[in-house]
Protein backbone atom coordinates (compact mmCIF):
# COMPACT_ATOMS: atom_id res chain seq x y z
CA UNK A 1 -7.71 -109.44 60.55
CA UNK A 2 -9.55 -105.99 60.65
CA UNK A 3 -13.11 -108.28 61.40
CA UNK A 4 -11.77 -110.60 64.47
CA UNK A 5 -10.17 -107.28 65.65
CA UNK A 6 -13.53 -105.86 65.76
CA UNK A 7 -15.16 -109.10 66.93
CA UNK A 8 -12.33 -108.77 69.86
CA UNK A 9 -13.29 -105.56 70.97
CA UNK A 10 -16.84 -106.44 71.06
CA UNK A 11 -16.12 -109.62 72.91
CA UNK A 12 -13.78 -107.18 75.78
CA UNK A 13 -16.33 -104.42 75.88
CA UNK A 14 -19.14 -107.13 76.69
CA UNK A 15 -17.54 -108.48 79.49
CA UNK A 16 -16.38 -105.22 80.88
CA UNK A 17 -20.02 -104.45 80.47
CA UNK A 18 -21.27 -107.69 82.55
CA UNK A 19 -17.96 -109.08 84.33
CA UNK A 20 -20.27 -111.58 86.74
CA UNK A 21 -20.58 -113.17 83.36
CA UNK A 22 -16.44 -114.34 83.11
CA UNK A 23 -16.92 -115.36 86.17
CA UNK A 24 -20.08 -117.45 86.07
CA UNK A 25 -18.17 -118.48 83.56
CA UNK A 26 -14.93 -119.85 85.38
CA UNK A 27 -16.91 -121.02 88.35
CA UNK A 28 -19.13 -123.50 86.11
CA UNK A 29 -16.61 -124.56 83.45
CA UNK A 30 -14.20 -125.73 86.55
CA UNK A 31 -17.07 -127.89 88.35
CA UNK A 32 -17.93 -129.45 85.09
CA UNK A 33 -14.38 -130.01 84.21
CA UNK A 34 -13.36 -131.79 87.37
CA UNK A 35 -17.06 -133.93 86.51
CA UNK A 36 -15.95 -134.83 83.08
CA UNK A 37 -12.40 -136.05 83.97
CA UNK A 38 -13.58 -138.45 86.62
CA UNK A 39 -16.51 -139.48 85.03
CA UNK A 40 -15.63 -139.56 80.81
CA UNK A 41 -13.12 -141.29 79.81
CA UNK A 42 -12.97 -139.42 76.40
CA UNK A 43 -12.34 -136.00 78.53
CA UNK A 44 -10.10 -136.90 81.30
CA UNK A 45 -6.88 -135.81 79.05
CA UNK A 46 -8.40 -133.65 76.79
CA UNK A 47 -10.06 -130.45 79.18
CA UNK A 48 -6.27 -131.31 81.17
CA UNK A 49 -4.45 -130.61 78.08
CA UNK A 50 -6.71 -127.70 76.81
CA UNK A 51 -5.26 -125.90 80.41
CA UNK A 52 -1.52 -126.56 79.82
CA UNK A 53 -1.66 -125.21 76.69
CA UNK A 54 -3.62 -122.44 77.88
CA UNK A 55 -0.76 -121.79 80.46
CA UNK A 56 2.15 -122.12 77.61
CA UNK A 57 0.37 -119.22 76.24
CA UNK A 58 0.25 -116.86 78.82
CA UNK A 59 3.98 -117.10 79.54
CA UNK A 60 4.51 -117.01 75.72
CA UNK A 61 2.22 -113.62 75.64
CA UNK A 62 4.68 -111.04 75.56
CA UNK A 63 6.56 -113.65 72.46
CA UNK A 64 3.21 -114.13 70.61
CA UNK A 65 1.86 -110.61 71.22
CA UNK A 66 4.73 -108.91 68.71
CA UNK A 67 5.01 -112.02 66.94
CA UNK A 68 2.06 -111.14 65.52
CA UNK A 69 1.93 -107.46 65.64
CA UNK A 70 5.01 -108.27 63.43
CA UNK A 71 3.36 -110.60 60.80
CA UNK A 72 -0.25 -108.90 60.77
CA UNK A 73 0.78 -105.73 61.96
CA UNK A 74 -1.47 -105.07 64.36
CA UNK A 75 -1.21 -105.44 67.50
CA UNK A 76 -3.47 -107.63 70.01
CA UNK A 77 -5.39 -105.03 72.36
CA UNK A 78 -4.68 -104.51 76.12
CA UNK A 79 -8.23 -105.30 76.99
CA UNK A 80 -8.12 -108.66 75.49
CA UNK A 81 -4.12 -109.58 77.64
CA UNK A 82 -5.43 -108.72 80.53
CA UNK A 83 -8.90 -110.54 80.42
CA UNK A 84 -7.63 -113.15 78.80
CA UNK A 85 -5.12 -113.72 81.22
CA UNK A 86 -7.57 -112.98 84.20
CA UNK A 87 -10.13 -115.93 82.76
CA UNK A 88 -6.81 -118.17 82.30
CA UNK A 89 -6.39 -118.33 86.42
CA UNK A 90 -10.00 -118.03 86.83
CA UNK A 91 -10.23 -121.49 84.41
CA UNK A 92 -7.63 -122.82 86.39
CA UNK A 93 -8.18 -122.47 89.79
CA UNK A 94 -11.89 -123.47 89.42
CA UNK A 95 -10.46 -126.36 87.34
CA UNK A 96 -8.00 -127.34 90.75
CA UNK A 97 -10.21 -126.53 93.61
CA UNK A 98 -13.12 -129.60 93.06
CA UNK A 99 -10.26 -131.70 92.82
CA UNK A 100 -8.23 -129.90 95.75
CA UNK A 101 -11.11 -130.13 98.37
CA UNK A 102 -12.35 -133.56 97.57
CA UNK A 103 -8.60 -135.22 98.23
CA UNK A 104 -7.67 -132.70 101.32
CA UNK A 105 -7.13 -134.04 105.44
CA UNK A 106 -9.25 -131.53 106.36
CA UNK A 107 -6.98 -131.96 109.84
CA UNK A 108 -4.12 -131.35 108.88
CA UNK A 109 -1.93 -128.45 107.38
CA UNK A 110 -3.34 -129.23 103.90
CA UNK A 111 -6.28 -127.23 104.90
CA UNK A 112 -3.89 -124.24 104.90
CA UNK A 113 -3.48 -124.91 101.34
CA UNK A 114 -6.70 -125.67 99.90
CA UNK A 115 -7.88 -122.62 101.65
CA UNK A 116 -5.05 -120.74 99.99
CA UNK A 117 -5.79 -121.87 96.26
CA UNK A 118 -10.09 -121.29 97.01
CA UNK A 119 -9.28 -117.65 98.00
CA UNK A 120 -6.63 -117.09 94.96
CA UNK A 121 -9.86 -118.28 92.89
CA UNK A 122 -12.00 -115.77 94.95
CA UNK A 123 -9.42 -113.00 94.06
CA UNK A 124 -9.56 -113.95 90.48
CA UNK A 125 -13.57 -112.78 90.28
CA UNK A 126 -13.71 -109.94 91.65
CA UNK A 127 -11.84 -107.45 89.09
CA UNK A 128 -11.16 -104.06 92.29
CA UNK A 129 -8.74 -107.21 94.03
CA UNK A 130 -7.40 -108.66 90.70
CA UNK A 131 -6.87 -105.18 88.95
CA UNK A 132 -6.48 -102.71 91.66
CA UNK A 133 -4.41 -104.93 94.63
CA UNK A 134 -2.62 -108.03 93.24
CA UNK A 135 -2.11 -106.71 89.39
CA UNK A 136 0.24 -104.15 90.65
CA UNK A 137 2.30 -105.59 93.41
CA UNK A 138 4.95 -107.36 91.41
CA UNK A 139 5.95 -110.17 93.96
CA UNK A 140 2.20 -110.63 94.96
CA UNK A 141 1.23 -111.27 91.45
CA UNK A 142 4.30 -113.49 90.66
CA UNK A 143 3.49 -115.85 93.71
CA UNK A 144 0.01 -115.81 92.68
CA UNK A 145 1.04 -116.46 89.04
CA UNK A 146 3.27 -119.15 90.41
CA UNK A 147 1.03 -120.77 93.15
CA UNK A 148 -1.58 -121.53 90.07
CA UNK A 149 0.54 -122.84 88.01
CA UNK A 150 1.95 -125.34 90.45
CA UNK A 151 -1.84 -126.45 90.95
CA UNK A 152 -3.41 -127.17 87.62
CA UNK A 153 0.18 -128.95 87.05
CA UNK A 154 0.03 -131.07 89.81
CA UNK A 155 -3.76 -132.26 88.40
CA UNK A 156 -2.72 -131.93 85.09
CA UNK A 157 0.36 -134.42 84.61
CA UNK A 158 -1.29 -137.68 86.44
CA UNK A 159 -4.12 -137.43 83.91
CA UNK A 160 -2.38 -136.87 81.38
CA UNK A 161 0.80 -138.90 81.07
CA UNK A 162 -0.63 -141.59 83.69
CA UNK A 163 2.93 -140.65 86.34
CA UNK A 164 2.56 -141.50 89.90
CA UNK A 165 1.74 -139.02 92.17
CA UNK A 166 5.41 -138.43 93.50
CA UNK A 167 6.67 -138.35 89.90
CA UNK A 168 4.11 -135.25 89.19
CA UNK A 169 5.08 -134.15 92.50
CA UNK A 170 8.72 -133.43 91.44
CA UNK A 171 7.85 -133.10 87.23
CA UNK A 172 5.08 -130.27 88.52
CA UNK A 173 8.11 -127.86 91.30
CA UNK A 174 10.41 -128.26 88.27
CA UNK A 175 8.41 -126.76 85.57
CA UNK A 176 6.60 -124.03 87.74
CA UNK A 177 10.27 -123.00 88.61
CA UNK A 178 11.47 -123.11 85.08
CA UNK A 179 8.09 -121.19 83.57
CA UNK A 180 8.18 -118.29 86.25
CA UNK A 181 11.62 -117.93 85.44
CA UNK A 182 10.62 -115.44 83.18
CA UNK A 183 8.58 -113.41 85.32
CA UNK A 184 11.37 -113.36 87.72
CA UNK A 185 13.49 -112.02 85.07
CA UNK A 186 11.17 -108.95 84.60
CA UNK A 187 11.44 -108.80 88.98
CA UNK A 188 14.94 -108.62 89.41
CA UNK A 189 16.31 -105.35 88.07
CA UNK A 190 19.89 -105.56 88.92
CA UNK A 191 22.22 -106.07 85.71
CA UNK A 192 25.32 -108.69 84.84
CA UNK A 193 26.41 -111.23 86.92
CA UNK A 194 24.08 -110.19 89.71
CA UNK A 195 21.22 -110.67 87.97
CA UNK A 196 21.79 -114.47 87.06
CA UNK A 197 22.69 -115.38 90.59
CA UNK A 198 19.59 -113.46 91.73
CA UNK A 199 17.82 -115.54 89.47
CA UNK A 200 19.39 -119.10 90.25
CA UNK A 201 18.69 -117.86 94.20
CA UNK A 202 15.32 -117.22 93.38
CA UNK A 203 15.07 -120.85 91.66
CA UNK A 204 16.48 -122.78 94.30
CA UNK A 205 14.67 -120.98 97.05
CA UNK A 206 11.61 -121.82 94.70
CA UNK A 207 11.66 -124.98 94.43
CA UNK A 208 12.83 -126.04 97.82
CA UNK A 209 10.22 -124.07 99.70
CA UNK A 210 7.83 -126.77 97.72
CA UNK A 211 9.11 -129.53 98.21
CA UNK A 212 9.52 -128.99 101.78
CA UNK A 213 5.82 -127.90 101.61
CA UNK A 214 4.77 -131.30 100.26
CA UNK A 215 3.24 -132.89 103.56
CA UNK A 216 0.70 -129.93 103.23
CA UNK A 217 0.21 -130.93 100.01
CA UNK A 218 -3.28 -132.77 99.07
CA UNK A 219 -2.50 -135.49 96.17
CA UNK A 220 -4.56 -134.39 93.96
CA UNK A 221 -5.59 -136.60 91.71
CA UNK A 222 -5.90 -139.52 94.83
CA UNK A 223 -8.43 -139.81 97.43
CA UNK A 224 -10.49 -142.31 99.86
CA UNK A 225 -13.79 -142.91 98.68
CA UNK A 226 -13.62 -145.44 102.10
CA UNK A 227 -12.53 -146.49 105.01
CA UNK A 228 -12.53 -148.89 108.07
CA UNK A 229 -10.89 -150.03 111.26
CA UNK A 230 -12.41 -153.26 111.81
CA UNK A 231 -11.00 -156.56 113.26
CA UNK A 232 -12.06 -158.82 109.92
CA UNK A 233 -12.88 -158.20 106.64
CA UNK A 234 -14.98 -160.60 104.42
CA UNK A 235 -13.84 -160.70 100.37
CA UNK A 236 -12.35 -157.40 100.49
CA UNK A 237 -14.89 -156.10 102.60
CA UNK A 238 -15.09 -154.65 105.89
CA UNK A 239 -16.80 -155.49 108.87
CA UNK A 240 -17.92 -152.48 111.19
CA UNK A 241 -15.35 -150.07 111.52
CA UNK A 242 -14.48 -149.54 114.97
CA UNK A 243 -14.03 -146.02 116.87
CA UNK A 244 -12.59 -147.78 120.51
CA UNK A 245 -10.44 -151.09 120.70
CA UNK A 246 -9.60 -152.60 123.87
CA UNK A 247 -6.32 -154.51 124.31
CA UNK A 248 -8.00 -157.81 124.41
CA UNK A 249 -9.16 -157.56 121.02
CA UNK A 250 -5.76 -156.14 120.03
CA UNK A 251 -3.87 -158.75 121.59
CA UNK A 252 -6.96 -161.77 119.65
CA UNK A 253 -7.11 -160.88 116.78
CA UNK A 254 -5.25 -157.58 115.85
CA UNK A 255 -6.66 -154.80 113.51
CA UNK A 256 -6.97 -154.31 110.03
CA UNK A 257 -6.81 -150.68 108.17
CA UNK A 258 -8.69 -150.66 105.09
CA UNK A 259 -8.79 -147.98 102.63
CA UNK A 260 -10.27 -147.92 98.71
CA UNK A 261 -8.20 -145.12 96.72
CA UNK A 262 -10.00 -142.89 93.74
CA UNK A 263 -8.14 -142.00 90.88
CA UNK A 264 -10.13 -140.26 87.92
CA UNK A 265 -7.32 -142.04 85.59
CA UNK A 266 -6.32 -145.57 87.51
CA UNK A 267 -3.53 -146.21 89.85
CA UNK A 268 -0.09 -147.79 89.53
CA UNK A 269 2.05 -146.86 92.45
CA UNK A 270 3.12 -146.86 95.85
CA UNK A 271 1.16 -146.05 99.30
CA UNK A 272 2.22 -146.38 102.66
CA UNK A 273 0.07 -146.90 105.98
CA UNK A 274 2.27 -145.33 108.88
CA UNK A 275 0.77 -146.55 111.96
CA UNK A 276 0.78 -143.96 114.64
CA UNK A 277 0.48 -144.04 118.35
CA UNK A 278 0.36 -140.74 120.78
CA UNK A 279 1.83 -138.84 117.64
CA UNK A 280 4.97 -141.65 117.47
CA UNK A 281 4.99 -143.90 114.29
CA UNK A 282 5.62 -148.04 114.97
CA UNK A 283 5.23 -148.88 111.99
CA UNK A 284 5.11 -148.29 108.09
CA UNK A 285 3.73 -150.69 105.75
CA UNK A 286 4.25 -150.39 101.82
CA UNK A 287 0.85 -151.15 99.85
CA UNK A 288 1.88 -151.59 96.03
CA UNK A 289 -1.39 -150.62 93.99
CA UNK A 290 -2.00 -150.57 90.85
CA UNK A 291 -5.58 -149.83 88.03
CA UNK A 292 -8.03 -148.61 89.31
CA UNK A 293 -12.33 -148.80 90.02
CA UNK A 294 -15.45 -146.14 90.56
CA UNK A 295 -15.21 -146.85 94.23
CA UNK A 296 -11.34 -147.02 94.72
CA UNK A 297 -8.84 -149.83 95.00
CA UNK A 298 -9.40 -151.75 97.36
CA UNK A 299 -5.94 -152.10 99.86
CA UNK A 300 -5.27 -153.11 103.71
CA UNK A 301 -3.22 -153.83 105.99
CA UNK A 302 -2.95 -155.87 108.86
CA UNK A 303 -0.90 -155.25 112.06
CA UNK A 304 -0.59 -157.81 114.74
CA UNK A 305 2.20 -156.88 116.44
CA UNK A 306 1.24 -153.69 119.19
CA UNK A 307 3.20 -153.00 121.77
CA UNK A 308 2.48 -154.39 125.84
CA UNK A 309 1.12 -150.54 126.47
CA UNK A 310 -1.20 -149.77 123.38
CA UNK A 311 -4.02 -147.53 125.35
CA UNK A 312 -4.61 -144.21 123.74
CA UNK A 313 -4.61 -142.63 120.36
CA UNK A 314 -4.00 -144.09 117.08
CA UNK A 315 -3.95 -142.93 113.54
CA UNK A 316 -3.00 -144.74 110.44
CA UNK A 317 -1.76 -142.18 108.00
CA UNK A 318 -1.86 -142.97 104.65
CA UNK A 319 0.81 -141.74 103.10
CA UNK A 320 2.87 -141.16 99.25
CA UNK A 321 6.33 -141.86 98.44
CA UNK A 322 6.68 -138.24 98.06
CA UNK A 323 5.20 -137.89 101.81
CA UNK A 324 2.16 -136.49 100.75
CA UNK A 325 -1.16 -137.16 102.91
CA UNK A 326 -4.11 -139.25 100.97
CA UNK A 327 -5.97 -139.48 104.29
CA UNK A 328 -5.63 -141.02 108.25
CA UNK A 329 -8.05 -143.72 109.97
CA UNK A 330 -8.39 -142.75 113.73
CA UNK A 331 -9.28 -144.77 116.88
CA UNK A 332 -8.89 -145.22 120.69
CA UNK A 333 -7.68 -148.23 123.30
CA UNK A 334 -8.77 -148.58 125.87
CA UNK A 335 -8.39 -151.29 128.63
């Protein structure tokens, strides 16, 4: 134990002398994890599993530290725990940020969530901000911690367990709320029944916020690789994508909304093509997509029943069953 303790002290000393090494390691390993999960089948389960195991350790940090102290008679140095927590935040955020940046519809509210994750990742690698501003503020740190865990779960659950996006979203909310309870309990000062009532109310509020904000959360493991608004398809290949369509074209041939959806571990769920005219929904068509291919699973809807006065701005939103937006196709109808 004395040898390992000395090695840990040297590691902490090295990080203290060169703090940028930890930040660089977190950034590089996060990007590498995204590439490996997307392209290498054998890594697709291993990396998210390691992420979840590290978070299990982080949630049970105090319990495990006391157990080690009782068993071996030595406590882990405070510096080790502090840097380990920071490294898990860095690893987690730089692992999920590439997924969310690829899947974000940047002209929607999803841009706010992905930008928030990027800011959180930058905070994790800037020691003065992380330790002097974030860590001392208990509620801010708890929100930061919960946000990071939620993003990790949204990314890891579909890859590990092949869950659909709606199933993953619901489970991510439930797990994030449950695992945040130990931290919440340390921040609720009252005792007795008041303490439990406050914990219950905070948990419900946290879960409800996550569910109501689902349209602002990108589906971390689903993204569009190819889209087209076109008048015809030839062997699942769209003709020229159109940005402007005439009313005569609509009435004669209708329109195809073509989408190719990519997922690292394949697909097996339902999505919707929601056709909107001037922001008003006029049609919602379900698509059951299964399997997966490198270029994305190809699917389309063919709409012919347009209103008589179809002039104006149109868009086709690609939504999951939970209401998360995968992407949007836009076109304009003119006389």
